[in-house]
Amino acid sequence: MSRSRQAVPWWAVGVVVTAVVVLTGWLPADDARELATRTVPILLFVAALTVTAEMCAGAGLFDAGARLAARVGGGRRPVLWLLVILLATASTAVLSLDTTAVLLTPVVIALARQTKSHPLPWALAVLALANTASLVLPVSNLTNLLADHTLRAQGVDYLSLMWAPALAAIVVTVVVLALRDRKALAGRYDPPPPRATRDRTLLVLTAVVVAIMAVAFVVGLPPAPTALVAAAILTVATLVRRRGLPVPAKDLVPWRTLLVVGALFAVVAAAHAHGLGELLASASGDGHGFGDLLRLAAVGAGASNAVNNLPAYLALEPAAGTDPLRVGALLIGTGVGPLVTPWGSLATVLWWHRCRQVLLPVAPKTIVLQGLLLAPLTVLAATAALVAF
């Protein structure tokens, strides 16, 4: 009997691709060193923030937030939905869009079922905010961290540039979804019965650490060291209080994803070394007016939906240059734009997988239709806010 063939894992492909690109010289040595200097701290940050998020989930922080929303909602379903919107926005802003997709999605679906609400609109709201709320802070999205490096070199503060586009994207998302789902969100619900907190001390400590970490991000402390300190504190606290990790140690750090992301960095940098930048620059234009910035954002959104927002941002970054407005426009396109295809952002892929795990099948058509409704409006509104403010 012949053995069934097993697919080669993506992380292994990433390792091979990175080795080939570097060792063959397709990515010149100087470019490789510059790329490593810029991206290694970002990858360390992603690893640390993932550990922090897992500890938050293990301590029950997301569950506690959902239960608090159910109590504060007072049986009014529209109020509960708005509170979930706030929870998803805060989670995306502080713990990143991927954390919202992976850890908050099942909590919100469970909350919807407990309150006898149709879970699909609630899950779709989490998906939307995981993407459209990802402009709030540099740590909200990996592309933001890449852009923050460029903005700091120009003496520009990320928040001062992107607060208005971030707010515009969130407001448009909430208004559009509220109008679309108004019938499903109407009426009242019976609040779920109270449930004892497994370890209140650990929960409170986790909430305090996350709050301090959020303040640190807002005031501009280096993201990687800040996230590493938070991850260390919460890991030690978890081991002391529970004597066990919330997930197996081998799954605590997303090393497979990091290897794939590293490979994307290397491939796109190598492609730029061989002329990709000139090709994309012609499609993106070079102006600074509203129409020029909208063009760049639209190209970024289209590229993100075609291949994925991370390689799209890396590929288009030289076309944006160092002008803060053009960098902001590209962030809008690659941040709130990749809503149309299920692979447009990693958060959408992770969200889709989580929905299947909790027995909420979502057809690709559903994701596409919501994306076609939201993406043009959010990109347009955020770009207009970027120019206006």
Protein backbone atom coordinates (compact mmCIF):
# COMPACT_ATOMS: atom_id res chain seq x y z
CA MET A 1 0.00 0.00 0.00
CA SER A 2 1.43 3.37 -1.00
CA ARG A 3 1.67 6.12 1.55
CA SER A 4 -0.56 9.12 1.07
CA ARG A 5 1.32 12.21 0.10
CA GLN A 6 1.47 15.01 2.60
CA ALA A 7 1.50 18.59 1.43
CA VAL A 8 4.69 20.51 2.08
CA PRO A 9 3.94 22.99 4.90
CA TRP A 10 4.04 26.67 3.99
CA TRP A 11 6.61 27.43 6.66
CA ALA A 12 9.02 24.95 5.08
CA VAL A 13 8.46 26.55 1.70
CA GLY A 14 9.19 29.91 3.32
CA VAL A 15 12.50 28.69 4.76
CA VAL A 16 13.61 27.29 1.39
CA VAL A 17 12.55 30.41 -0.52
CA THR A 18 14.34 32.73 1.91
CA ALA A 19 17.52 30.63 1.74
CA VAL A 20 17.47 30.55 -2.06
CA VAL A 21 16.82 34.29 -2.39
CA VAL A 22 19.66 35.19 -0.02
CA LEU A 23 22.26 32.54 -0.88
CA THR A 24 21.95 32.98 -4.65
CA GLY A 25 22.43 36.73 -4.33
CA TRP A 26 19.06 37.48 -5.94
CA LEU A 27 18.59 39.64 -2.86
CA PRO A 28 21.89 41.58 -2.65
CA ALA A 29 23.77 41.27 0.63
CA ASP A 30 23.45 44.98 1.50
CA ASP A 31 19.70 44.87 0.86
CA ALA A 32 19.40 41.71 2.95
CA ARG A 33 21.15 43.36 5.91
CA GLU A 34 18.98 46.46 5.64
CA LEU A 35 15.85 44.29 5.44
CA ALA A 36 16.86 42.30 8.52
CA THR A 37 17.61 45.46 10.50
CA ARG A 38 14.14 46.77 9.73
CA THR A 39 12.01 43.63 9.99
CA VAL A 40 13.51 41.48 12.76
CA PRO A 41 12.20 43.82 15.50
CA ILE A 42 8.76 43.68 13.87
CA LEU A 43 8.77 39.88 13.83
CA LEU A 44 9.85 39.84 17.49
CA PHE A 45 6.97 42.18 18.25
CA VAL A 46 4.48 39.89 16.48
CA ALA A 47 5.76 36.92 18.49
CA ALA A 48 5.55 38.80 21.81
CA LEU A 49 2.10 40.23 21.09
CA THR A 50 0.79 36.78 20.17
CA VAL A 51 1.99 35.41 23.50
CA THR A 52 0.36 38.35 25.27
CA ALA A 53 -2.93 37.77 23.46
CA GLU A 54 -2.93 34.05 24.29
CA MET A 55 -2.36 34.86 27.95
CA CYS A 56 -5.25 37.33 27.80
CA ALA A 57 -7.51 34.65 26.39
CA GLY A 58 -6.31 32.13 28.97
CA ALA A 59 -7.03 34.58 31.79
CA GLY A 60 -10.55 35.07 30.43
CA LEU A 61 -10.15 38.72 29.43
CA PHE A 62 -12.15 38.37 26.20
CA ASP A 63 -14.86 36.33 27.90
CA ALA A 64 -15.05 38.88 30.72
CA GLY A 65 -15.40 41.70 28.20
CA ALA A 66 -18.25 39.88 26.45
CA ARG A 67 -20.04 39.13 29.74
CA LEU A 68 -19.66 42.75 30.83
CA ALA A 69 -21.13 43.88 27.51
CA ALA A 70 -24.09 41.53 28.00
CA ARG A 71 -24.77 43.00 31.45
CA VAL A 72 -24.31 46.64 30.41
CA GLY A 73 -26.50 46.07 27.36
CA GLY A 74 -29.46 45.58 29.69
CA GLY A 75 -31.29 43.23 27.36
CA ARG A 76 -31.24 45.71 24.44
CA ARG A 77 -29.72 44.01 21.42
CA PRO A 78 -28.66 47.21 19.56
CA VAL A 79 -26.79 48.39 22.66
CA LEU A 80 -25.08 45.02 23.03
CA TRP A 81 -24.03 45.15 19.37
CA LEU A 82 -22.48 48.60 19.85
CA LEU A 83 -20.59 47.34 22.90
CA VAL A 84 -19.26 44.42 20.85
CA ILE A 85 -18.17 46.95 18.22
CA LEU A 86 -16.23 48.81 20.92
CA LEU A 87 -14.68 45.57 22.13
CA ALA A 88 -13.61 44.57 18.61
CA THR A 89 -12.20 48.05 17.95
CA ALA A 90 -10.21 48.07 21.19
CA SER A 91 -8.93 44.54 20.61
CA THR A 92 -7.80 45.40 17.08
CA ALA A 93 -6.19 48.68 18.11
CA VAL A 94 -4.16 47.31 21.03
CA LEU A 95 -3.69 43.60 20.31
CA SER A 96 -3.79 43.69 16.47
CA LEU A 97 -6.27 42.62 13.84
CA ASP A 98 -5.12 38.98 13.89
CA THR A 99 -5.81 38.72 17.63
CA THR A 100 -9.34 40.00 17.06
CA ALA A 101 -9.89 37.47 14.28
CA VAL A 102 -8.52 34.49 16.23
CA LEU A 103 -9.47 35.11 19.86
CA LEU A 104 -12.45 37.46 19.84
CA THR A 105 -14.42 35.85 17.02
CA PRO A 106 -15.42 32.65 18.90
CA VAL A 107 -16.30 34.69 22.01
CA VAL A 108 -18.63 36.99 20.07
CA ILE A 109 -20.26 34.07 18.24
CA ALA A 110 -20.87 32.35 21.58
CA LEU A 111 -22.30 35.59 23.00
CA ALA A 112 -24.67 35.94 20.05
CA ARG A 113 -25.91 32.39 20.52
CA GLN A 114 -26.38 32.87 24.27
CA THR A 115 -28.52 35.94 23.64
CA LYS A 116 -30.49 34.14 20.89
CA SER A 117 -29.17 36.51 18.25
CA HIS A 118 -28.31 35.39 14.74
CA PRO A 119 -24.52 34.90 15.00
CA LEU A 120 -23.57 35.69 11.40
CA PRO A 121 -24.04 39.51 11.51
CA TRP A 122 -22.09 39.62 14.77
CA ALA A 123 -19.24 37.56 13.35
CA LEU A 124 -19.19 39.67 10.18
CA ALA A 125 -18.95 42.83 12.30
CA VAL A 126 -15.87 41.40 14.02
CA LEU A 127 -14.35 40.60 10.62
CA ALA A 128 -15.02 44.10 9.36
CA LEU A 129 -13.58 45.85 12.44
CA ALA A 130 -10.55 43.55 12.49
CA ASN A 131 -9.61 45.20 9.21
CA THR A 132 -11.11 48.69 9.23
CA ALA A 133 -10.02 49.43 12.83
CA SER A 134 -6.46 48.40 12.03
CA LEU A 135 -5.30 51.97 11.31
CA VAL A 136 -5.62 53.18 14.92
CA LEU A 137 -2.11 52.50 16.25
CA PRO A 138 1.17 51.35 14.69
CA VAL A 139 0.78 48.02 16.52
CA SER A 140 -2.71 47.40 15.11
CA ASN A 141 -1.39 46.07 11.81
CA LEU A 142 1.98 44.81 10.63
CA THR A 143 1.85 47.21 7.68
CA ASN A 144 1.50 50.10 10.15
CA LEU A 145 4.73 49.08 11.85
CA LEU A 146 6.51 49.03 8.51
CA ALA A 147 5.16 52.48 7.71
CA ASP A 148 5.97 53.83 11.17
CA HIS A 149 9.66 53.24 10.44
CA THR A 150 9.39 55.54 7.41
CA LEU A 151 7.29 58.15 9.20
CA ARG A 152 9.67 58.36 12.17
CA ALA A 153 12.57 58.94 9.78
CA GLN A 154 10.62 61.95 8.47
CA GLY A 155 9.86 63.22 11.97
CA VAL A 156 6.14 62.47 11.63
CA ASP A 157 4.09 60.98 14.46
CA TYR A 158 1.87 58.10 13.33
CA LEU A 159 -1.13 59.11 15.46
CA SER A 160 -1.08 62.72 14.31
CA LEU A 161 -1.21 61.53 10.70
CA MET A 162 -3.63 58.61 10.91
CA TRP A 163 -6.15 59.39 13.66
CA ALA A 164 -8.66 60.96 11.26
CA PRO A 165 -8.49 58.21 8.59
CA ALA A 166 -8.77 55.57 11.33
CA LEU A 167 -11.83 57.25 12.83
CA ALA A 168 -13.45 57.71 9.42
CA ALA A 169 -12.97 54.05 8.51
CA ILE A 170 -14.47 52.88 11.81
CA VAL A 171 -17.46 55.24 11.68
CA VAL A 172 -18.31 54.30 8.09
CA THR A 173 -18.04 50.61 8.95
CA VAL A 174 -20.35 50.92 11.95
CA VAL A 175 -22.95 53.02 10.12
CA VAL A 176 -23.06 50.75 7.07
CA LEU A 177 -23.30 47.54 9.11
CA ALA A 178 -25.92 49.03 11.44
CA LEU A 179 -28.09 49.94 8.45
CA ARG A 180 -27.57 46.61 6.71
CA ASP A 181 -28.25 44.46 9.77
CA ARG A 182 -30.84 46.67 11.50
CA LYS A 183 -33.52 43.96 11.45
CA ALA A 184 -31.24 41.27 12.88
CA LEU A 185 -30.02 43.66 15.59
CA ALA A 186 -33.45 44.81 16.72
CA GLY A 187 -35.30 43.63 19.80
CA ARG A 188 -34.30 42.46 23.24
CA TYR A 189 -32.46 39.50 24.74
CA ASP A 190 -32.31 37.74 28.05
CA PRO A 191 -28.90 38.40 29.64
CA PRO A 192 -26.97 35.16 30.10
CA PRO A 193 -26.67 33.99 33.72
CA PRO A 194 -23.60 35.25 35.60
CA ARG A 195 -20.59 32.96 35.61
CA ALA A 196 -17.89 32.86 38.25
CA THR A 197 -14.48 34.11 37.18
CA ARG A 198 -11.96 31.30 37.26
CA ASP A 199 -9.15 33.44 38.69
CA ARG A 200 -10.09 37.03 39.42
CA THR A 201 -6.57 37.99 40.49
CA LEU A 202 -5.08 36.83 37.20
CA LEU A 203 -7.89 38.49 35.24
CA VAL A 204 -7.38 41.85 36.95
CA LEU A 205 -3.59 41.67 36.55
CA THR A 206 -4.00 40.85 32.85
CA ALA A 207 -6.37 43.77 32.32
CA VAL A 208 -3.96 46.15 34.08
CA VAL A 209 -0.97 44.95 32.03
CA VAL A 210 -2.90 45.33 28.77
CA ALA A 211 -4.07 48.82 29.76
CA ILE A 212 -0.51 49.89 30.57
CA MET A 213 0.73 48.35 27.33
CA ALA A 214 -1.93 50.29 25.39
CA VAL A 215 -0.84 53.57 26.99
CA ALA A 216 2.78 52.73 26.18
CA PHE A 217 1.89 52.18 22.53
CA VAL A 218 -0.06 55.45 22.37
CA VAL A 219 2.78 57.52 23.85
CA GLY A 220 5.23 56.00 21.38
CA LEU A 221 7.35 53.57 23.40
CA PRO A 222 9.16 51.00 21.21
CA PRO A 223 6.59 48.28 20.37
CA ALA A 224 8.84 45.20 20.50
CA PRO A 225 10.37 45.76 23.98
CA THR A 226 6.98 46.84 25.35
CA ALA A 227 5.24 43.72 24.06
CA LEU A 228 8.10 41.51 25.27
CA VAL A 229 7.80 42.88 28.80
CA ALA A 230 4.01 42.41 28.78
CA ALA A 231 4.36 38.86 27.45
CA ALA A 232 6.95 37.98 30.11
CA ILE A 233 4.85 39.38 32.96
CA LEU A 234 1.67 37.62 31.87
CA THR A 235 3.44 34.33 31.17
CA VAL A 236 5.03 34.28 34.62
CA ALA A 237 1.75 35.29 36.25
CA THR A 238 -0.11 32.56 34.38
CA LEU A 239 2.38 29.89 35.39
CA VAL A 240 2.31 31.02 39.01
CA ARG A 241 -1.47 31.24 39.22
CA ARG A 242 -2.48 28.30 37.01
CA ARG A 243 0.73 26.28 36.71
CA GLY A 244 0.06 25.70 33.06
CA LEU A 245 -0.07 27.55 29.72
CA PRO A 246 -3.37 28.23 27.95
CA VAL A 247 -2.05 26.52 24.80
CA PRO A 248 0.76 24.02 24.21
CA ALA A 249 4.18 25.67 24.39
CA LYS A 250 4.94 24.76 20.76
CA ASP A 251 1.87 26.74 19.63
CA LEU A 252 2.43 29.77 21.84
CA VAL A 253 4.64 31.60 19.35
CA PRO A 254 3.40 31.60 15.73
CA TRP A 255 6.79 30.59 14.36
CA ARG A 256 5.30 29.06 11.21
CA THR A 257 3.58 32.33 10.32
CA LEU A 258 6.73 34.30 11.10
CA LEU A 259 8.77 32.14 8.74
CA VAL A 260 6.24 32.69 5.95
CA VAL A 261 6.16 36.44 6.62
CA GLY A 262 9.96 36.55 6.59
CA ALA A 263 9.95 34.83 3.21
CA LEU A 264 7.48 37.41 1.86
CA PHE A 265 9.78 40.18 3.06
CA ALA A 266 12.75 38.60 1.30
CA VAL A 267 10.95 37.87 -1.99
CA VAL A 268 9.43 41.35 -2.32
CA ALA A 269 12.75 43.03 -1.43
CA ALA A 270 14.50 40.92 -4.05
CA ALA A 271 11.86 41.75 -6.66
CA HIS A 272 12.35 45.44 -5.96
CA ALA A 273 16.07 45.02 -6.46
CA HIS A 274 15.27 43.79 -9.96
CA GLY A 275 12.85 46.48 -11.15
CA LEU A 276 9.46 45.82 -9.55
CA GLY A 277 9.39 49.30 -8.05
CA GLU A 278 9.49 51.07 -11.43
CA LEU A 279 6.56 49.02 -12.71
CA LEU A 280 4.37 49.72 -9.69
CA ALA A 281 5.31 53.39 -9.56
CA SER A 282 3.77 53.92 -12.99
CA ALA A 283 0.47 52.44 -11.77
CA SER A 284 0.45 54.39 -8.51
CA GLY A 285 1.23 57.85 -9.82
CA ASP A 286 3.26 60.42 -7.93
CA GLY A 287 0.95 63.32 -6.99
CA HIS A 288 -0.20 64.59 -3.60
CA GLY A 289 -3.73 65.80 -4.27
CA PHE A 290 -6.88 63.98 -3.20
CA GLY A 291 -7.25 62.23 -6.55
CA ASP A 292 -3.60 61.15 -6.54
CA LEU A 293 -3.82 59.80 -3.01
CA LEU A 294 -7.09 58.00 -3.76
CA ARG A 295 -5.43 56.43 -6.79
CA LEU A 296 -2.58 55.10 -4.63
CA ALA A 297 -5.02 53.82 -1.99
CA ALA A 298 -7.10 52.12 -4.69
CA VAL A 299 -4.04 50.43 -6.19
CA GLY A 300 -3.07 49.25 -2.69
CA ALA A 301 -6.56 47.90 -2.06
CA GLY A 302 -6.66 46.14 -5.42
CA ALA A 303 -3.23 44.57 -4.94
CA SER A 304 -4.14 43.49 -1.40
CA ASN A 305 -7.31 41.75 -2.54
CA ALA A 306 -5.41 40.12 -5.37
CA VAL A 307 -2.49 38.68 -3.41
CA ASN A 308 -2.66 39.75 0.30
CA ASN A 309 -2.10 43.07 2.00
CA LEU A 310 1.38 42.37 3.39
CA PRO A 311 3.18 41.69 0.09
CA ALA A 312 1.05 44.41 -1.51
CA TYR A 313 2.28 47.00 0.97
CA LEU A 314 5.90 45.92 0.62
CA ALA A 315 5.67 45.99 -3.15
CA LEU A 316 4.08 49.46 -3.26
CA GLU A 317 6.09 51.08 -0.48
CA PRO A 318 8.76 52.57 -2.80
CA ALA A 319 5.97 53.99 -4.99
CA ALA A 320 4.63 55.83 -1.94
CA GLY A 321 8.09 57.19 -1.17
CA THR A 322 8.72 59.09 2.04
CA ASP A 323 5.93 61.65 1.73
CA PRO A 324 3.70 61.15 4.81
CA LEU A 325 0.44 61.67 2.91
CA ARG A 326 1.33 59.07 0.31
CA VAL A 327 2.46 56.63 3.01
CA GLY A 328 -0.87 57.21 4.76
CA ALA A 329 -2.80 56.62 1.54
CA LEU A 330 -0.99 53.34 0.98
CA LEU A 331 -1.76 52.29 4.56
CA ILE A 332 -5.43 53.01 3.94
CA GLY A 333 -5.49 50.92 0.79
CA THR A 334 -3.66 47.96 2.32
CA GLY A 335 -5.25 48.30 5.76
CA VAL A 336 -8.98 48.85 5.23
CA GLY A 337 -9.09 47.91 1.56
CA PRO A 338 -8.48 44.11 1.64
CA LEU A 339 -12.07 43.20 2.56
CA VAL A 340 -13.27 41.71 -0.70
CA THR A 341 -11.39 38.42 -1.00
CA PRO A 342 -11.08 35.77 1.73
CA TRP A 343 -7.27 35.92 1.39
CA GLY A 344 -6.95 39.72 1.26
CA SER A 345 -5.59 39.83 4.79
CA LEU A 346 -4.34 37.16 7.17
CA ALA A 347 -7.00 38.29 9.65
CA THR A 348 -9.75 37.30 7.20
CA VAL A 349 -8.19 33.88 6.66
CA LEU A 350 -7.91 33.32 10.41
CA TRP A 351 -11.46 34.59 11.01
CA TRP A 352 -12.87 32.21 8.39
CA HIS A 353 -11.04 29.29 9.99
CA ARG A 354 -12.32 30.23 13.46
CA CYS A 355 -15.90 30.41 12.21
CA ARG A 356 -15.65 26.88 10.83
CA GLN A 357 -14.19 25.66 14.13
CA VAL A 358 -17.23 26.92 16.06
CA LEU A 359 -19.66 25.50 13.49
CA LEU A 360 -20.59 28.75 11.78
CA PRO A 361 -20.06 28.08 8.08
CA VAL A 362 -19.59 31.25 6.04
CA ALA A 363 -19.79 31.13 2.26
CA PRO A 364 -17.06 32.98 0.33
CA LYS A 365 -19.84 34.95 -1.37
CA THR A 366 -20.82 36.42 2.01
CA ILE A 367 -17.30 37.78 2.58
CA VAL A 368 -17.11 39.15 -0.97
CA LEU A 369 -20.47 40.92 -0.78
CA GLN A 370 -19.63 42.57 2.55
CA GLY A 371 -16.25 43.59 1.18
CA LEU A 372 -17.77 45.12 -1.96
CA LEU A 373 -20.11 47.10 0.28
CA LEU A 374 -17.49 48.32 2.76
CA ALA A 375 -14.15 48.57 0.96
CA PRO A 376 -14.93 51.40 -1.49
CA LEU A 377 -16.70 53.48 1.16
CA THR A 378 -14.07 53.06 3.86
CA VAL A 379 -11.16 53.71 1.50
CA LEU A 380 -12.86 56.81 0.12
CA ALA A 381 -13.81 58.18 3.56
CA ALA A 382 -10.41 57.47 5.11
CA THR A 383 -8.55 59.07 2.20
CA ALA A 384 -10.77 62.14 2.38
CA ALA A 385 -10.07 62.39 6.12
CA LEU A 386 -6.33 62.03 5.49
CA VAL A 387 -6.41 65.06 3.19
CA ALA A 388 -8.82 67.10 5.31
CA PHE A 389 -7.01 66.68 8.61
